[in-house]
Amino acid sequence: MKKNIFFGLLLIIVTATFGQQKKPSSALTKQDYLEKSASLSRTAWLLLGGGAGVLAGTLLISGTRGVCIGPGCTKRSFPVIPVAIGGAMMVSSVPLFIASGRNKRKGMSLSFKNEPAFQIQNNGFVNQPVPSLTFTIRL
């Protein structure tokens, strides 16, 4: 009896969950690509400027105190960590610039799109899709 109840419940659960749909992944639109490109470009410029600022500030501060490198120097040494952080920030901006350009090219490319157009059909207007070629030109 327990087996029958178990298999009956299992059958009900399986039939109820079989008809569920997965959410379709929406393709990115031109506007999404252009917004993503602008965001990546802004981030890349911030990293490049921040890295240059950290590097320049570190070199200016260490230049006023003097740099002493050698076996007799214990107080003043070259600030390796801030220079490495500034350099890493500047280098990490390069892939973001590349990704930004790639997204911009994807957003600005030609594509086919079905544009809705009103047409007269049987004494009324019908919204019919018309294939069209779209191209975005940035002015």
C-alpha atoms as a PDB file:
ATOM      1  CA  MET A   1       0.000   0.000   0.000  1.00  0.00           C
ATOM      2  CA  LYS A   2       2.843   2.373   0.854  1.00  0.00           C
ATOM      3  CA  LYS A   3       4.450   1.652  -2.513  1.00  0.00           C
ATOM      4  CA  ASN A   4       1.233   2.489  -4.350  1.00  0.00           C
ATOM      5  CA  ILE A   5       0.850   5.805  -2.509  1.00  0.00           C
ATOM      6  CA  PHE A   6       4.514   6.645  -3.078  1.00  0.00           C
ATOM      7  CA  PHE A   7       4.361   5.884  -6.813  1.00  0.00           C
ATOM      8  CA  GLY A   8       1.038   7.720  -7.131  1.00  0.00           C
ATOM      9  CA  LEU A   9       2.515  10.868  -5.556  1.00  0.00           C
ATOM     10  CA  LEU A  10       5.651  10.477  -7.662  1.00  0.00           C
ATOM     11  CA  LEU A  11       3.525  10.213 -10.805  1.00  0.00           C
ATOM     12  CA  ILE A  12       1.567  13.358  -9.866  1.00  0.00           C
ATOM     13  CA  ILE A  13       4.757  15.317  -9.173  1.00  0.00           C
ATOM     14  CA  VAL A  14       6.412  14.176 -12.397  1.00  0.00           C
ATOM     15  CA  THR A  15       3.424  15.072 -14.568  1.00  0.00           C
ATOM     16  CA  ALA A  16       3.055  18.467 -12.885  1.00  0.00           C
ATOM     17  CA  THR A  17       6.710  19.398 -13.363  1.00  0.00           C
ATOM     18  CA  PHE A  18       7.061  18.080 -16.906  1.00  0.00           C
ATOM     19  CA  GLY A  19       5.298  21.051 -18.498  1.00  0.00           C
ATOM     20  CA  GLN A  20       7.478  23.785 -17.008  1.00  0.00           C
ATOM     21  CA  GLN A  21       9.279  26.011 -19.452  1.00  0.00           C
ATOM     22  CA  LYS A  22      12.757  27.334 -19.149  1.00  0.00           C
ATOM     23  CA  LYS A  23      13.044  31.076 -19.418  1.00  0.00           C
ATOM     24  CA  PRO A  24      14.472  31.895 -22.829  1.00  0.00           C
ATOM     25  CA  SER A  25      17.705  33.809 -22.745  1.00  0.00           C
ATOM     26  CA  SER A  26      17.059  37.145 -24.366  1.00  0.00           C
ATOM     27  CA  ALA A  27      19.577  38.188 -26.970  1.00  0.00           C
ATOM     28  CA  LEU A  28      21.323  41.462 -26.345  1.00  0.00           C
ATOM     29  CA  THR A  29      20.013  44.354 -28.400  1.00  0.00           C
ATOM     30  CA  LYS A  30      22.012  47.086 -30.069  1.00  0.00           C
ATOM     31  CA  GLN A  31      21.222  49.436 -27.204  1.00  0.00           C
ATOM     32  CA  ASP A  32      22.495  46.865 -24.689  1.00  0.00           C
ATOM     33  CA  TYR A  33      25.776  46.525 -26.580  1.00  0.00           C
ATOM     34  CA  LEU A  34      26.231  50.301 -26.795  1.00  0.00           C
ATOM     35  CA  GLU A  35      25.462  50.785 -23.077  1.00  0.00           C
ATOM     36  CA  LYS A  36      27.848  47.976 -22.178  1.00  0.00           C
ATOM     37  CA  SER A  37      30.525  49.556 -24.373  1.00  0.00           C
ATOM     38  CA  ALA A  38      30.092  52.946 -22.696  1.00  0.00           C
ATOM     39  CA  SER A  39      30.262  51.383 -19.237  1.00  0.00           C
ATOM     40  CA  LEU A  40      33.420  49.413 -20.066  1.00  0.00           C
ATOM     41  CA  SER A  41      35.022  52.468 -21.649  1.00  0.00           C
ATOM     42  CA  ARG A  42      34.285  54.592 -18.574  1.00  0.00           C
ATOM     43  CA  THR A  43      35.740  51.920 -16.284  1.00  0.00           C
ATOM     44  CA  ALA A  44      38.834  51.566 -18.456  1.00  0.00           C
ATOM     45  CA  TRP A  45      39.474  55.325 -18.442  1.00  0.00           C
ATOM     46  CA  LEU A  46      39.032  55.420 -14.656  1.00  0.00           C
ATOM     47  CA  LEU A  47      41.535  52.595 -14.197  1.00  0.00           C
ATOM     48  CA  LEU A  48      44.012  54.199 -16.578  1.00  0.00           C
ATOM     49  CA  GLY A  49      43.721  57.631 -14.954  1.00  0.00           C
ATOM     50  CA  GLY A  50      43.766  56.217 -11.427  1.00  0.00           C
ATOM     51  CA  GLY A  51      46.816  54.094 -12.168  1.00  0.00           C
ATOM     52  CA  ALA A  52      48.620  57.043 -13.745  1.00  0.00           C
ATOM     53  CA  GLY A  53      47.708  59.195 -10.732  1.00  0.00           C
ATOM     54  CA  VAL A  54      48.962  56.613  -8.238  1.00  0.00           C
ATOM     55  CA  LEU A  55      52.157  56.142 -10.235  1.00  0.00           C
ATOM     56  CA  ALA A  56      52.789  59.876 -10.669  1.00  0.00           C
ATOM     57  CA  GLY A  57      51.958  60.650  -7.036  1.00  0.00           C
ATOM     58  CA  THR A  58      54.255  57.917  -5.794  1.00  0.00           C
ATOM     59  CA  LEU A  59      57.100  59.054  -8.010  1.00  0.00           C
ATOM     60  CA  LEU A  60      56.615  62.705  -6.981  1.00  0.00           C
ATOM     61  CA  ILE A  61      56.546  61.868  -3.277  1.00  0.00           C
ATOM     62  CA  SER A  62      59.539  59.553  -3.502  1.00  0.00           C
ATOM     63  CA  GLY A  63      61.364  62.125  -5.636  1.00  0.00           C
ATOM     64  CA  THR A  64      61.104  64.789  -2.921  1.00  0.00           C
ATOM     65  CA  ARG A  65      62.444  62.442  -0.260  1.00  0.00           C
ATOM     66  CA  GLY A  66      65.107  61.006  -2.476  1.00  0.00           C
ATOM     67  CA  VAL A  67      65.611  57.425  -3.450  1.00  0.00           C
ATOM     68  CA  CYS A  68      68.356  55.517  -1.758  1.00  0.00           C
ATOM     69  CA  ILE A  69      68.980  52.026  -3.051  1.00  0.00           C
ATOM     70  CA  GLY A  70      71.927  49.997  -1.890  1.00  0.00           C
ATOM     71  CA  PRO A  71      73.370  48.067   1.030  1.00  0.00           C
ATOM     72  CA  GLY A  72      73.845  51.150   3.228  1.00  0.00           C
ATOM     73  CA  CYS A  73      70.280  52.457   2.851  1.00  0.00           C
ATOM     74  CA  THR A  74      67.795  51.343   5.447  1.00  0.00           C
ATOM     75  CA  LYS A  75      65.408  54.300   5.781  1.00  0.00           C
ATOM     76  CA  ARG A  76      64.613  55.278   2.235  1.00  0.00           C
ATOM     77  CA  SER A  77      63.939  52.748  -0.455  1.00  0.00           C
ATOM     78  CA  PHE A  78      62.002  52.770  -3.681  1.00  0.00           C
ATOM     79  CA  PRO A  79      58.221  52.388  -3.069  1.00  0.00           C
ATOM     80  CA  VAL A  80      57.687  49.176  -5.014  1.00  0.00           C
ATOM     81  CA  ILE A  81      54.144  48.384  -3.859  1.00  0.00           C
ATOM     82  CA  PRO A  82      52.445  51.672  -4.918  1.00  0.00           C
ATOM     83  CA  VAL A  83      54.303  51.636  -8.234  1.00  0.00           C
ATOM     84  CA  ALA A  84      53.206  48.033  -8.838  1.00  0.00           C
ATOM     85  CA  ILE A  85      49.592  48.888  -7.954  1.00  0.00           C
ATOM     86  CA  GLY A  86      49.580  51.891 -10.314  1.00  0.00           C
ATOM     87  CA  GLY A  87      51.153  49.858 -13.101  1.00  0.00           C
ATOM     88  CA  ALA A  88      48.697  47.000 -12.579  1.00  0.00           C
ATOM     89  CA  MET A  89      45.775  49.429 -12.746  1.00  0.00           C
ATOM     90  CA  MET A  90      47.071  50.866 -16.001  1.00  0.00           C
ATOM     91  CA  VAL A  91      47.707  47.435 -17.537  1.00  0.00           C
ATOM     92  CA  SER A  92      44.295  46.122 -16.447  1.00  0.00           C
ATOM     93  CA  SER A  93      42.573  48.910 -18.373  1.00  0.00           C
ATOM     94  CA  VAL A  94      43.816  47.542 -21.721  1.00  0.00           C
ATOM     95  CA  PRO A  95      41.477  44.485 -21.869  1.00  0.00           C
ATOM     96  CA  LEU A  96      38.574  46.731 -20.909  1.00  0.00           C
ATOM     97  CA  PHE A  97      39.346  49.065 -23.822  1.00  0.00           C
ATOM     98  CA  ILE A  98      39.470  46.050 -26.156  1.00  0.00           C
ATOM     99  CA  ALA A  99      36.149  44.673 -24.858  1.00  0.00           C
ATOM    100  CA  SER A 100      34.578  48.125 -25.120  1.00  0.00           C
ATOM    101  CA  GLY A 101      35.598  48.421 -28.765  1.00  0.00           C
ATOM    102  CA  ARG A 102      34.321  44.929 -29.532  1.00  0.00           C
ATOM    103  CA  ASN A 103      30.925  45.691 -27.950  1.00  0.00           C
ATOM    104  CA  LYS A 104      30.755  48.989 -29.814  1.00  0.00           C
ATOM    105  CA  ARG A 105      31.404  47.239 -33.129  1.00  0.00           C
ATOM    106  CA  LYS A 106      28.678  44.698 -32.341  1.00  0.00           C
ATOM    107  CA  GLY A 107      26.260  47.482 -31.498  1.00  0.00           C
ATOM    108  CA  MET A 108      27.043  49.503 -34.613  1.00  0.00           C
ATOM    109  CA  SER A 109      26.866  46.619 -37.079  1.00  0.00           C
ATOM    110  CA  LEU A 110      24.231  45.919 -39.684  1.00  0.00           C
ATOM    111  CA  SER A 111      21.353  43.668 -38.747  1.00  0.00           C
ATOM    112  CA  PHE A 112      18.054  42.465 -40.077  1.00  0.00           C
ATOM    113  CA  LYS A 113      15.018  43.319 -38.031  1.00  0.00           C
ATOM    114  CA  ASN A 114      11.293  42.871 -38.526  1.00  0.00           C
ATOM    115  CA  GLU A 115       9.829  46.344 -38.203  1.00  0.00           C
ATOM    116  CA  PRO A 116       6.085  46.573 -37.561  1.00  0.00           C
ATOM    117  CA  ALA A 117       4.135  48.420 -40.249  1.00  0.00           C
ATOM    118  CA  PHE A 118       0.406  49.152 -40.493  1.00  0.00           C
ATOM    119  CA  GLN A 119      -1.208  47.745 -43.618  1.00  0.00           C
ATOM    120  CA  ILE A 120      -4.792  47.731 -44.852  1.00  0.00           C
ATOM    121  CA  GLN A 121      -6.334  44.293 -44.920  1.00  0.00           C
ATOM    122  CA  ASN A 122     -10.064  43.446 -45.161  1.00  0.00           C
ATOM    123  CA  ASN A 123     -11.480  46.857 -44.185  1.00  0.00           C
ATOM    124  CA  GLY A 124      -9.059  47.364 -41.312  1.00  0.00           C
ATOM    125  CA  PHE A 125      -5.498  48.021 -40.330  1.00  0.00           C
ATOM    126  CA  VAL A 126      -3.206  45.114 -39.503  1.00  0.00           C
ATOM    127  CA  ASN A 127       0.213  45.352 -37.927  1.00  0.00           C
ATOM    128  CA  GLN A 128       2.411  43.321 -40.299  1.00  0.00           C
ATOM    129  CA  PRO A 129       6.125  42.712 -39.778  1.00  0.00           C
ATOM    130  CA  VAL A 130       8.263  44.006 -42.632  1.00  0.00           C
ATOM    131  CA  PRO A 131      11.868  42.797 -42.938  1.00  0.00           C
ATOM    132  CA  SER A 132      14.270  45.710 -42.843  1.00  0.00           C
ATOM    133  CA  LEU A 133      17.969  46.344 -42.719  1.00  0.00           C
ATOM    134  CA  THR A 134      19.053  48.454 -39.747  1.00  0.00           C
ATOM    135  CA  PHE A 135      22.323  50.309 -39.371  1.00  0.00           C
ATOM    136  CA  THR A 136      23.200  52.740 -36.614  1.00  0.00           C
ATOM    137  CA  ILE A 137      25.406  55.706 -37.465  1.00  0.00           C
ATOM    138  CA  ARG A 138      26.799  57.662 -34.553  1.00  0.00           C
ATOM    139  CA  LEU A 139      26.912  61.380 -35.304  1.00  0.00           C
END
